[in-house]
Protein backbone atom coordinates (compact mmCIF):
# COMPACT_ATOMS: atom_id res chain seq x y z
CA MET A 1 28.03 126.21 -106.15
CA THR A 2 31.37 124.90 -107.08
CA GLY A 3 34.94 126.11 -107.54
CA PHE A 4 34.93 127.51 -103.76
CA ASP A 5 37.53 126.81 -101.10
CA GLU A 6 34.69 127.11 -98.48
CA MET A 7 31.05 128.16 -98.21
CA VAL A 8 29.14 130.36 -95.89
CA ASP A 9 25.68 131.60 -95.75
CA TRP A 10 26.43 135.49 -95.54
CA LEU A 11 29.71 136.85 -96.50
CA VAL A 12 30.44 140.63 -95.52
CA VAL A 13 33.18 142.96 -96.77
CA GLY A 14 34.34 145.43 -94.56
CA SER A 15 33.70 145.83 -90.76
CA GLY A 16 31.61 149.00 -90.09
CA ALA A 17 28.44 149.28 -88.29
CA GLY A 18 26.33 148.06 -91.01
CA SER A 19 28.58 144.92 -91.58
CA MET A 20 28.09 143.90 -87.60
CA ALA A 21 24.22 144.82 -87.68
CA SER A 22 23.80 142.47 -90.63
CA ALA A 23 25.99 139.59 -89.31
CA LEU A 24 23.82 139.79 -85.95
CA VAL A 25 20.62 139.54 -87.84
CA MET A 26 21.96 136.49 -89.62
CA ARG A 27 23.40 134.66 -86.64
CA ASP A 28 19.88 135.61 -85.06
CA ALA A 29 18.40 133.49 -88.05
CA GLY A 30 20.93 130.74 -87.50
CA LYS A 31 23.00 131.31 -90.55
CA SER A 32 26.81 131.30 -90.77
CA VAL A 33 28.53 134.59 -91.31
CA VAL A 34 32.03 135.79 -92.26
CA ILE A 35 33.33 139.43 -92.18
CA LEU A 36 36.28 140.23 -94.16
CA GLU A 37 38.47 143.26 -92.94
CA LYS A 38 41.23 144.05 -95.01
CA THR A 39 43.21 146.15 -92.43
CA ALA A 40 44.67 144.95 -89.01
CA PHE A 41 41.65 146.57 -86.96
CA VAL A 42 38.09 146.02 -86.73
CA GLY A 43 35.56 148.81 -86.91
CA GLY A 44 36.14 150.77 -90.25
CA THR A 45 35.43 154.41 -90.50
CA THR A 46 32.51 154.20 -87.90
CA ALA A 47 35.31 153.44 -85.31
CA LYS A 48 37.27 156.80 -85.90
CA SER A 49 34.04 158.61 -86.28
CA GLY A 50 31.51 160.19 -83.67
CA GLY A 51 29.41 157.34 -83.91
CA VAL A 52 26.26 158.84 -84.10
CA MET A 53 23.14 157.64 -85.92
CA TRP A 54 20.12 159.49 -87.13
CA ILE A 55 17.20 157.45 -86.18
CA PRO A 56 13.63 158.97 -86.59
CA ALA A 57 11.26 158.08 -83.83
CA ASN A 58 13.78 156.00 -82.04
CA ARG A 59 12.74 154.46 -78.75
CA PHE A 60 14.98 156.76 -76.58
CA MET A 61 13.18 160.08 -77.75
CA LEU A 62 9.85 158.55 -77.31
CA ALA A 63 10.73 157.44 -73.97
CA ASP A 64 11.54 161.15 -73.15
CA GLY A 65 8.07 162.01 -74.17
CA GLU A 66 8.68 163.47 -77.52
CA SER A 67 6.62 162.85 -80.45
CA ASP A 68 8.03 161.98 -83.83
CA SER A 69 6.98 159.46 -86.60
CA ALA A 70 8.02 157.93 -89.81
CA GLU A 71 5.45 160.46 -91.60
CA ALA A 72 7.28 163.37 -90.14
CA ALA A 73 10.83 162.10 -91.25
CA MET A 74 9.33 161.50 -94.54
CA ALA A 75 8.32 164.91 -94.81
CA TYR A 76 11.58 166.13 -93.78
CA LEU A 77 13.79 163.98 -96.07
CA ASP A 78 11.38 165.12 -98.94
CA ALA A 79 11.65 168.43 -98.34
CA ALA A 80 15.48 168.41 -98.25
CA GLN A 81 15.85 166.83 -101.92
CA ASP A 82 16.43 169.37 -104.59
CA ASP A 83 15.19 169.91 -108.04
CA HIS A 84 17.71 167.30 -109.27
CA PRO A 85 16.76 164.01 -107.70
CA ALA A 86 19.93 161.92 -106.78
CA PRO A 87 19.98 158.45 -108.01
CA GLY A 88 20.84 156.89 -104.46
CA THR A 89 17.61 157.98 -102.93
CA SER A 90 13.86 157.38 -103.77
CA PRO A 91 10.54 157.75 -101.88
CA GLU A 92 10.50 153.95 -101.54
CA LYS A 93 14.10 153.98 -100.03
CA ARG A 94 13.61 156.75 -97.85
CA ARG A 95 10.33 155.05 -96.56
CA ALA A 96 12.35 151.85 -95.95
CA TYR A 97 14.81 153.86 -93.97
CA VAL A 98 12.57 155.95 -91.55
CA THR A 99 10.29 152.97 -90.90
CA GLN A 100 13.34 150.39 -90.42
CA ALA A 101 15.57 152.59 -88.42
CA PRO A 102 13.96 152.34 -85.05
CA ARG A 103 13.37 148.58 -85.73
CA ALA A 104 17.00 148.17 -86.21
CA ILE A 105 17.80 150.06 -83.03
CA ASP A 106 15.24 147.92 -81.07
CA PHE A 107 16.94 144.84 -82.48
CA LEU A 108 20.48 145.86 -81.19
CA VAL A 109 19.12 146.98 -77.87
CA ASP A 110 17.68 143.40 -77.56
CA LYS A 111 21.06 141.76 -78.18
CA GLY A 112 22.52 143.50 -75.42
CA ILE A 113 24.16 146.62 -77.14
CA ALA A 114 23.93 149.60 -74.92
CA LEU A 115 22.64 152.54 -76.77
CA GLN A 116 21.20 155.68 -75.68
CA ARG A 117 20.16 159.32 -77.08
CA GLY A 118 22.67 161.33 -78.27
CA ALA A 119 21.35 164.37 -76.83
CA THR A 120 18.30 166.07 -76.10
CA PHE A 121 19.19 169.21 -78.07
CA TRP A 122 21.06 168.15 -81.38
CA PRO A 123 18.73 169.35 -83.98
CA ASP A 124 18.37 168.16 -87.57
CA TYR A 125 20.63 170.53 -89.75
CA TYR A 126 17.72 171.97 -91.87
CA ASP A 127 15.25 171.88 -88.89
CA GLU A 128 13.39 174.88 -90.43
CA LEU A 129 11.97 172.53 -93.11
CA PRO A 130 8.76 170.56 -92.76
CA GLY A 131 9.29 167.57 -90.45
CA GLY A 132 12.61 168.91 -89.29
CA CYS A 133 13.32 168.05 -85.48
CA LYS A 134 14.59 171.00 -83.47
CA THR A 135 15.47 168.47 -80.31
CA SER A 136 17.34 165.27 -81.50
CA ARG A 137 16.90 162.12 -83.34
CA THR A 138 20.46 160.98 -82.48
CA VAL A 139 21.35 157.75 -80.98
CA VAL A 140 24.75 156.78 -79.87
CA ALA A 141 26.43 153.82 -78.01
CA LYS A 142 27.34 154.29 -74.21
CA PRO A 143 31.13 154.38 -73.50
CA PHE A 144 32.69 151.18 -73.63
CA ASP A 145 35.64 149.28 -71.82
CA ARG A 146 38.00 147.70 -74.37
CA LYS A 147 38.82 145.09 -71.77
CA GLU A 148 35.46 143.56 -72.22
CA LEU A 149 36.63 142.30 -75.70
CA GLY A 150 39.47 140.14 -74.21
CA PRO A 151 42.13 139.06 -76.74
CA TRP A 152 40.32 141.51 -79.28
CA ARG A 153 40.70 144.57 -77.22
CA ASP A 154 43.97 145.91 -79.39
CA LYS A 155 42.00 144.73 -82.52
CA LEU A 156 39.39 147.30 -82.27
CA ARG A 157 40.25 150.38 -84.20
CA LYS A 158 41.28 153.42 -82.03
CA GLY A 159 38.71 156.04 -81.47
CA PHE A 160 39.20 159.91 -81.39
CA ALA A 161 38.28 159.96 -77.61
CA GLU A 162 39.80 157.13 -75.82
CA PHE A 163 38.33 157.78 -72.35
CA ASN A 164 34.96 157.89 -70.38
CA VAL A 165 33.11 160.72 -71.79
CA THR A 166 30.01 161.29 -74.14
CA LEU A 167 30.14 163.84 -76.87
CA VAL A 168 27.35 165.60 -75.35
CA GLU A 169 29.38 165.83 -71.92
CA GLY A 170 32.47 166.85 -73.99
CA MET A 171 30.26 169.85 -75.44
CA GLU A 172 28.96 170.94 -71.92
CA ALA A 173 32.50 170.96 -70.53
CA GLN A 174 33.57 173.34 -73.26
CA GLY A 175 31.69 176.22 -71.44
CA HIS A 176 33.98 175.96 -68.37
CA ARG A 177 35.79 179.29 -69.31
CA ARG A 178 32.59 181.04 -68.84
CA THR A 179 30.82 181.79 -65.45
CA ASN A 180 28.77 178.74 -66.16
CA LYS A 181 28.78 176.35 -63.00
CA ALA A 182 27.47 173.32 -64.81
CA SER A 183 30.10 173.23 -67.39
CA GLY A 184 32.75 173.57 -64.67
CA LYS A 185 31.26 170.81 -62.66
CA MET A 186 30.97 168.64 -65.90
CA LEU A 187 34.73 169.14 -66.39
CA LEU A 188 35.65 168.32 -63.05
CA ARG A 189 33.54 165.04 -63.34
CA ILE A 190 35.14 163.97 -66.49
CA ILE A 191 38.58 164.56 -64.99
CA GLY A 192 37.92 162.52 -61.93
CA ARG A 193 36.09 159.77 -63.78
CA THR A 194 39.15 159.51 -66.08
CA LEU A 195 41.37 159.16 -63.15
CA ARG A 196 39.48 156.63 -61.33
CA ASP A 197 39.23 154.59 -64.47
CA LYS A 198 43.02 154.63 -64.81
CA LEU A 199 43.61 153.48 -61.18
CA LEU A 200 41.10 150.73 -61.84
CA GLY A 201 42.76 149.56 -65.04
CA ARG A 202 39.97 150.22 -67.12
CA GLU A 203 40.16 151.36 -70.91
CA TYR A 204 37.32 153.23 -71.85
CA THR A 205 36.54 154.57 -75.41
CA THR A 206 33.50 156.46 -76.54
CA ALA A 207 31.83 157.77 -79.58
CA GLY A 208 32.33 155.34 -82.89
CA ALA A 209 34.71 153.15 -81.24
CA ALA A 210 32.51 152.59 -78.49
CA LEU A 211 29.76 151.70 -80.82
CA GLN A 212 31.98 149.43 -82.76
CA GLY A 213 33.37 147.71 -79.79
CA ARG A 214 30.01 146.79 -78.30
CA MET A 215 28.98 145.76 -81.73
CA LEU A 216 32.05 143.69 -82.01
CA LYS A 217 31.42 142.08 -78.59
CA ALA A 218 27.93 141.05 -79.61
CA ALA A 219 29.16 139.69 -82.93
CA LEU A 220 31.87 137.56 -81.34
CA ALA A 221 29.48 136.22 -78.60
CA ALA A 222 27.19 135.40 -81.38
CA GLY A 223 29.80 133.33 -83.55
CA VAL A 224 30.44 135.80 -86.27
CA ASP A 225 33.80 134.73 -87.86
CA ILE A 226 35.60 138.00 -88.28
CA ARG A 227 39.06 137.87 -90.51
CA LEU A 228 41.51 140.62 -90.44
CA ASN A 229 44.15 141.50 -93.00
CA ALA A 230 41.82 139.51 -95.62
CA PRO A 231 41.12 142.01 -98.23
CA ALA A 232 38.32 141.49 -100.97
CA ARG A 233 40.09 141.12 -104.39
CA HIS A 234 37.01 140.34 -106.69
CA ILE A 235 33.09 139.70 -106.31
CA ILE A 236 32.47 136.40 -107.96
CA ILE A 237 29.73 136.47 -110.60
CA ALA A 238 27.87 133.27 -112.21
CA ASP A 239 24.66 133.71 -113.95
CA ASP A 240 24.33 137.37 -113.44
CA ALA A 241 24.26 136.81 -109.73
CA ALA A 242 26.93 137.33 -107.00
CA THR A 243 27.92 134.13 -105.70
CA GLY A 244 31.11 134.81 -103.46
CA VAL A 245 34.33 136.88 -103.13
CA GLU A 246 37.70 136.12 -103.75
CA THR A 247 40.10 137.14 -100.94
CA VAL A 248 43.56 136.31 -99.79
CA ARG A 249 44.66 133.75 -97.14
CA ASP A 250 47.97 132.97 -96.13
CA GLY A 251 49.11 135.06 -98.94
CA LYS A 252 47.25 133.15 -101.70
CA SER A 253 43.77 133.60 -103.41
CA TRP A 254 41.03 132.26 -101.39
CA ARG A 255 37.55 131.99 -102.85
CA ILE A 256 34.55 131.82 -100.43
CA GLY A 257 30.95 131.28 -101.69
CA ALA A 258 27.89 132.83 -100.15
CA ARG A 259 24.67 130.84 -100.15
CA LEU A 260 22.58 133.70 -99.10
CA GLY A 261 24.19 136.74 -100.35
CA VAL A 262 27.33 139.24 -100.35
CA LEU A 263 27.28 142.50 -98.30
CA ILE A 264 29.78 144.98 -99.42
CA ASN A 265 30.48 147.75 -96.70
CA ALA A 266 33.84 148.80 -97.60
CA GLY A 267 33.90 152.44 -96.87
CA GLY A 268 34.49 155.09 -99.40
CA PHE A 269 37.56 156.42 -101.52
CA SER A 270 38.74 159.31 -99.35
CA GLN A 271 42.34 157.71 -99.26
CA ASN A 272 42.60 157.50 -102.99
CA GLN A 273 43.80 160.64 -104.55
CA ALA A 274 43.31 159.53 -108.08
CA MET A 275 39.77 159.02 -107.52
CA ARG A 276 39.35 162.06 -105.59
CA ASP A 277 40.86 164.15 -108.64
CA ARG A 278 38.49 162.45 -110.68
CA TYR A 279 35.32 163.07 -108.85
CA ILE A 280 36.07 165.51 -106.16
CA PRO A 281 38.83 167.84 -107.65
CA GLY A 282 40.59 170.44 -105.64
CA THR A 283 40.38 168.08 -102.32
CA SER A 284 43.08 166.12 -100.84
CA VAL A 285 43.74 162.64 -98.87
CA LEU A 286 45.82 164.86 -96.51
CA TRP A 287 42.59 166.40 -95.43
CA SER A 288 40.81 163.27 -94.57
CA GLN A 289 40.02 161.81 -91.37
CA THR A 290 39.18 158.32 -92.60
CA PRO A 291 41.43 155.03 -91.94
CA GLU A 292 43.89 153.87 -94.23
CA GLY A 293 41.65 151.25 -95.85
CA ASP A 294 39.30 153.79 -97.38
CA THR A 295 40.59 153.52 -100.92
CA GLY A 296 37.49 152.95 -102.84
CA ASP A 297 38.66 149.36 -104.01
CA MET A 298 34.93 148.02 -104.07
CA HIS A 299 33.75 151.14 -105.79
CA GLN A 300 35.72 150.15 -108.63
CA GLU A 301 35.17 146.43 -108.16
CA LEU A 302 31.28 147.14 -108.36
CA GLU A 303 31.42 149.39 -111.21
CA ARG A 304 33.56 146.83 -113.08
CA ILE A 305 30.56 143.94 -112.65
CA GLY A 306 28.01 146.66 -113.76
CA GLY A 307 27.03 148.32 -110.68
CA HIS A 308 25.93 151.98 -111.24
CA LEU A 309 28.02 154.67 -109.35
CA ALA A 310 26.38 157.91 -108.58
CA GLN A 311 26.70 161.11 -106.37
CA MET A 312 30.69 160.68 -106.37
CA ASP A 313 31.12 164.19 -106.01
CA GLN A 314 29.71 164.23 -102.45
CA LEU A 315 31.82 164.37 -99.21
CA VAL A 316 30.86 164.01 -95.66
CA GLY A 317 32.53 167.47 -95.06
CA TYR A 318 34.87 168.17 -92.12
CA GLN A 319 36.38 171.74 -92.22
CA MET A 320 39.61 171.58 -90.71
CA THR A 321 42.30 173.98 -89.62
CA PRO A 322 45.90 172.63 -90.62
CA ALA A 323 47.86 173.86 -87.32
CA PRO A 324 51.55 172.90 -87.05
CA GLY A 325 52.00 169.32 -86.45
CA TRP A 326 48.29 168.44 -87.58
CA ASP A 327 49.54 165.76 -90.03
CA GLN A 328 51.11 163.91 -87.01
CA THR A 329 47.82 163.58 -85.15
CA TYR A 330 45.27 160.93 -85.47
CA VAL A 331 42.73 163.45 -85.97
CA ALA A 332 43.13 166.63 -87.53
CA PRO A 333 42.07 169.73 -85.58
CA GLY A 334 38.55 170.39 -86.84
CA ALA A 335 37.13 173.88 -87.36
CA GLN A 336 33.39 172.62 -87.52
CA SER A 337 32.36 174.53 -84.36
CA MET A 338 35.24 177.46 -84.70
CA THR A 339 33.79 179.86 -87.10
CA GLY A 340 30.15 179.28 -86.06
CA LYS A 341 30.87 180.49 -82.71
CA PRO A 342 30.29 184.05 -81.58
CA HIS A 343 33.19 186.55 -82.50
CA ALA A 344 34.10 184.62 -85.59
CA ILE A 345 33.61 184.67 -89.48
CA LEU A 346 34.90 183.05 -92.65
CA VAL A 347 36.16 184.50 -95.57
CA ASP A 348 37.65 183.83 -98.87
CA GLN A 349 40.77 184.99 -100.26
CA SER A 350 39.11 188.02 -101.54
CA GLY A 351 37.96 189.00 -97.97
CA GLN A 352 34.45 188.34 -98.65
CA ARG A 353 32.30 186.33 -96.28
CA TYR A 354 30.31 183.79 -98.20
CA MET A 355 28.18 181.31 -96.16
CA ASN A 356 26.39 180.73 -92.93
CA GLU A 357 29.47 179.38 -90.90
CA GLY A 358 26.96 177.27 -88.84
CA GLY A 359 24.87 174.44 -89.96
CA SER A 360 25.92 171.28 -91.63
CA TYR A 361 29.61 170.62 -92.05
CA GLU A 362 28.93 168.89 -95.23
CA LEU A 363 27.15 171.94 -96.91
CA TYR A 364 30.11 174.04 -95.29
CA CYS A 365 32.81 172.03 -97.18
CA GLU A 366 30.51 171.87 -100.37
CA THR A 367 29.92 175.62 -100.22
CA MET A 368 33.60 176.26 -100.04
CA ARG A 369 34.53 174.07 -102.96
CA LYS A 370 31.85 175.74 -104.99
CA ARG A 371 33.14 179.01 -103.90
CA ASN A 372 36.70 178.21 -104.92
CA THR A 373 35.62 177.74 -108.39
CA LEU A 374 34.67 181.35 -108.53
CA VAL A 375 36.94 182.85 -106.19
CA PRO A 376 40.14 181.44 -104.45
CA ALA A 377 38.59 180.00 -101.21
CA ILE A 378 40.77 176.97 -100.58
CA PRO A 379 42.02 177.83 -97.94
CA SER A 380 39.40 180.22 -96.70
CA TRP A 381 40.39 182.45 -93.59
CA ALA A 382 38.72 182.07 -90.20
CA ILE A 383 38.62 185.85 -88.82
CA ILE A 384 38.49 186.27 -85.00
CA ASP A 385 39.01 188.63 -82.33
CA ARG A 386 40.26 188.62 -78.59
CA ASN A 387 36.87 188.18 -77.52
CA TYR A 388 37.18 184.87 -79.06
CA VAL A 389 40.40 183.40 -77.92
CA GLU A 390 39.43 184.28 -74.16
CA LEU A 391 36.39 182.00 -74.67
CA TYR A 392 37.26 179.43 -77.34
CA ALA A 393 40.03 177.11 -78.65
CA ILE A 394 41.78 177.31 -81.93
CA ALA A 395 42.82 173.79 -83.30
CA GLY A 396 42.23 172.49 -79.52
CA LYS A 397 44.37 175.29 -77.96
CA PHE A 398 43.59 178.18 -76.12
CA ILE A 399 46.09 180.98 -77.13
CA ASP A 400 45.05 183.82 -75.11
CA LYS A 401 47.88 183.55 -72.66
CA LYS A 402 50.34 181.81 -74.73
CA ILE A 403 50.48 181.21 -78.35
CA PRO A 404 51.98 177.55 -79.22
CA ASP A 405 55.50 177.37 -80.41
CA GLY A 406 55.72 177.60 -84.38
CA TRP A 407 52.29 178.81 -85.07
CA ILE A 408 53.09 182.26 -86.14
CA GLU A 409 56.64 181.43 -87.47
CA SER A 410 55.25 178.61 -89.65
CA GLY A 411 52.65 181.36 -91.21
CA TYR A 412 49.77 179.42 -89.67
CA LEU A 413 48.41 182.10 -87.27
CA HIS A 414 48.32 185.72 -88.38
CA THR A 415 47.65 188.33 -85.83
CA ALA A 416 47.54 192.07 -85.82
CA ASP A 417 46.15 195.07 -83.96
CA SER A 418 43.95 196.23 -86.77
CA ILE A 419 41.58 194.41 -89.29
CA ALA A 420 43.56 196.32 -92.21
CA GLU A 421 46.71 194.94 -90.74
CA LEU A 422 45.34 191.50 -90.50
CA ALA A 423 44.35 191.78 -94.27
CA THR A 424 47.85 192.72 -95.32
CA SER A 425 49.23 189.76 -93.30
CA ILE A 426 47.01 187.18 -95.12
CA LYS A 427 47.35 188.88 -98.33
CA VAL A 428 43.77 190.02 -98.52
CA ASP A 429 42.39 193.45 -99.47
CA PRO A 430 42.60 195.55 -96.57
CA ALA A 431 39.38 197.66 -97.76
CA THR A 432 37.53 194.40 -98.64
CA LEU A 433 38.12 192.83 -95.14
CA THR A 434 37.50 196.04 -93.23
CA THR A 435 34.01 196.34 -94.78
CA THR A 436 33.16 192.67 -94.37
CA VAL A 437 34.03 192.88 -90.63
CA ALA A 438 31.91 196.01 -90.43
CA ARG A 439 29.21 194.29 -92.03
CA TRP A 440 29.18 191.35 -89.82
CA ASN A 441 29.52 193.55 -86.86
CA GLY A 442 26.33 195.43 -87.94
CA PHE A 443 24.55 192.54 -88.09
CA VAL A 444 25.28 191.48 -84.60
CA ALA A 445 24.21 194.78 -83.54
CA LYS A 446 20.80 193.97 -84.99
CA GLY A 447 20.89 190.50 -83.68
CA VAL A 448 20.08 189.24 -87.44
CA ASP A 449 22.47 187.92 -90.11
CA GLU A 450 20.90 189.68 -93.02
CA ASP A 451 23.31 187.84 -95.58
CA PHE A 452 23.28 183.98 -94.66
CA GLN A 453 20.89 184.05 -91.54
CA ARG A 454 23.50 182.52 -89.27
CA GLY A 455 21.73 181.71 -85.98
CA ALA A 456 18.17 181.40 -87.64
CA ARG A 457 18.36 177.58 -87.39
CA ALA A 458 17.93 175.65 -84.01
CA TYR A 459 21.12 173.74 -84.94
CA ASP A 460 23.43 176.86 -85.47
CA ASN A 461 22.64 177.74 -81.79
CA CYS A 462 23.76 174.12 -80.16
CA GLY A 463 26.96 173.62 -78.51
CA PHE A 464 28.54 171.42 -81.39
CA VAL A 465 28.36 174.73 -83.54
CA GLY A 466 27.53 177.92 -81.64
CA ASP A 467 27.76 178.64 -77.94
CA PRO A 468 24.25 177.88 -75.86
CA PHE A 469 25.89 179.80 -73.01
CA SER A 470 26.37 183.00 -74.91
CA ASP A 471 23.19 185.62 -75.16
CA GLN A 472 23.26 185.26 -78.97
CA SER A 473 24.44 181.89 -79.20
CA ALA A 474 25.96 182.25 -83.06
CA LEU A 475 26.51 186.04 -83.07
CA GLY A 476 29.32 187.98 -81.80
CA ALA A 477 31.23 191.10 -82.93
CA ILE A 478 34.48 191.24 -84.12
CA ASP A 479 35.93 194.41 -82.32
CA LYS A 480 38.45 193.81 -79.89
CA GLY A 481 41.93 193.59 -80.79
CA PRO A 482 44.28 191.99 -81.29
CA PHE A 483 42.94 190.18 -84.06
CA TYR A 484 43.41 186.68 -85.65
CA ALA A 485 43.34 184.81 -88.87
CA VAL A 486 44.11 180.75 -89.40
CA PRO A 487 43.33 178.85 -92.56
CA VAL A 488 40.39 176.59 -92.95
CA VAL A 489 40.18 173.67 -95.79
CA PRO A 490 37.51 171.21 -96.64
CA GLY A 491 38.54 168.04 -94.93
CA ASP A 492 36.26 165.02 -94.86
CA VAL A 493 35.24 161.98 -92.59
CA SER A 494 34.34 160.15 -95.68
CA THR A 495 33.23 160.25 -99.28
CA TYR A 496 29.28 159.88 -99.79
CA GLY A 497 28.83 158.67 -103.17
CA GLY A 498 28.91 154.98 -104.45
CA VAL A 499 26.90 152.41 -106.04
CA VAL A 500 23.06 152.69 -106.38
CA THR A 501 20.92 150.40 -104.09
CA ASP A 502 17.18 149.66 -103.99
CA ALA A 503 14.96 149.69 -100.92
CA ARG A 504 16.20 146.34 -99.74
CA GLY A 505 19.98 147.25 -99.94
CA ARG A 506 20.41 145.37 -103.34
CA VAL A 507 22.95 146.68 -105.94
CA VAL A 508 21.35 148.06 -108.98
CA LYS A 509 22.75 148.36 -112.46
CA ALA A 510 22.31 151.60 -114.50
CA ASN A 511 19.38 149.83 -116.47
CA GLY A 512 17.70 149.31 -112.90
CA GLN A 513 18.20 145.58 -112.88
CA VAL A 514 19.04 144.30 -109.54
CA ILE A 515 22.31 141.96 -109.35
CA ASP A 516 20.83 138.89 -107.41
CA GLY A 517 22.70 138.14 -104.20
CA LEU A 518 24.60 141.37 -104.08
CA TYR A 519 23.91 143.96 -101.43
CA ALA A 520 25.65 147.14 -100.35
CA THR A 521 25.69 149.88 -97.54
CA GLY A 522 27.27 152.48 -95.84
CA THR A 523 29.65 154.84 -97.78
CA THR A 524 30.41 152.23 -100.56
CA THR A 525 26.80 153.35 -101.70
CA ALA A 526 25.00 156.56 -103.07
CA SER A 527 23.33 157.83 -100.03
CA VAL A 528 19.60 157.36 -99.26
CA MET A 529 19.85 161.00 -98.04
CA GLY A 530 20.65 162.17 -101.49
CA ASN A 531 22.74 165.20 -102.23
CA VAL A 532 22.40 166.63 -98.59
CA TYR A 533 23.46 165.53 -95.02
CA VAL A 534 20.19 165.97 -92.96
CA GLY A 535 21.54 165.67 -89.53
CA ALA A 536 24.14 164.14 -87.22
CA GLY A 537 24.52 160.61 -88.08
CA ALA A 538 23.25 160.60 -91.71
CA SER A 539 25.87 158.30 -92.99
CA ILE A 540 26.30 155.87 -90.01
CA GLY A 541 22.63 155.55 -89.56
CA PRO A 542 22.03 154.41 -93.19
CA SER A 543 24.95 152.04 -92.96
CA LEU A 544 23.62 150.15 -89.92
CA VAL A 545 19.95 150.34 -91.22
CA PHE A 546 20.66 149.06 -94.47
CA GLY A 547 23.03 146.32 -93.33
CA TYR A 548 19.89 145.27 -91.22
CA ILE A 549 17.28 145.64 -94.08
CA ALA A 550 19.80 143.58 -96.31
CA ALA A 551 20.53 140.83 -94.03
CA ARG A 552 16.68 140.54 -93.43
CA HIS A 553 15.88 140.41 -96.92
CA ALA A 554 18.73 137.72 -97.65
CA ALA A 555 17.45 135.58 -94.89
CA GLY A 556 13.92 135.67 -95.99
CA LEU A 557 12.79 137.58 -92.73
CA ASP A 558 10.97 140.51 -94.85
CA ASN A 559 7.50 139.56 -93.93
CA GLN A 560 8.34 138.84 -90.24
CA PRO A 561 8.16 141.32 -87.40
């Protein structure tokens, strides 16, 4: 190769989970690696996320004595596909994922990355399908002390929970307002642990930032060259193959050649309103939880060189409620678990309920967007009662004793002594909303949601959506005043479409031809899951696993154990 300012074996664009996994594979094979990160922080969208990975038959669930297999996972993924096959998935690609996912996790653990099971009860989002798991296929990182990174500690992107707690512990502590002793004890343990860490000068983070912190530490120790503020401008193509990337160094163009290949893991396009308007109309960058670098640059570049973009209308939804000041927060207040808990429902602007408020957050937001094409539904309204506010938070705050300043004055929170008065306040037909709530209360009395089957799935009843401490978990009457309403909009934690890749992570053109030397993973790609989000970690899991698969292929390790 000629015309390059430097040469490297493996060149990676983006610093998410898949990037780090691929880099560790290559360094283990004795190859040189450069990771280009266009922002000032390492970690990508992964660092700001929950950091959960959907990994069938992983070592942690098997160690717990559970049975799972690639065959069961394949049956589940196959059953989850709709009648219109998505270009980003195929039986071969799904098979590659379910067989290589546990191997990728084993590889990382062998490299000293401390992982654990996400929970023993975090079911697949469509657990009723063949092969669906009603316990948990999730894997997460253990909380991580940033101080272990030394001079890199401030270069790790901030997570949403910068203290020593797991997602499961946080969920368990939510029951502290009930007469649940375990929840109260968990809350006290978290408080005590946080105070102790502060006294000892520890700087713990959890979830996605913990995963990326641990991956970053391993990558640095392995000799990976990570460059910040280094945006990729162009993918260099010669003789129909990717040979390198043009980036920026000291303010000037810098061309890096790649002997074994280029991996693109540059995130999605959530922060690009023009692309959103083109592919996902009716959504807003203001509602996205992704970092500032999630602007779709590489989507456009991959399309320019012949890559085939698909599933571009898909979002990893994150239903959120825009409470006053939300736009100044690092992570906007989610509504994922709000309307799925007892004593709450979601209605459109006509006052009609139109979905199962539990289940997948991706499906929740997609349903809201589709409903909005028929009836105004953005925003929709969460309808709740006094029973709810005495037990659960709204936008992270308990309002039963004191409503936060500005919530009513700004028009965010509506409250009334009757459902009819509440309807008038939110400009919904009183008769329609009264009928909707009465119908819901009738279902609660029967113990069955006859319209949308909320509570029928195991996932609807877990602590991330429903209330496992409640007798009915997902159901609860809206019958105790005063009544409340807050808006809910279809936010996201990433887009979910991009360039099509094959079972080895290679970028594919519309005619099916592979672009030699060019690989992609993460939300830069059209998801292997198709047009569905099958369970917690269905985006980070594939990002990591196909980074691992791509690096092994490029390094010639495919046929080695």
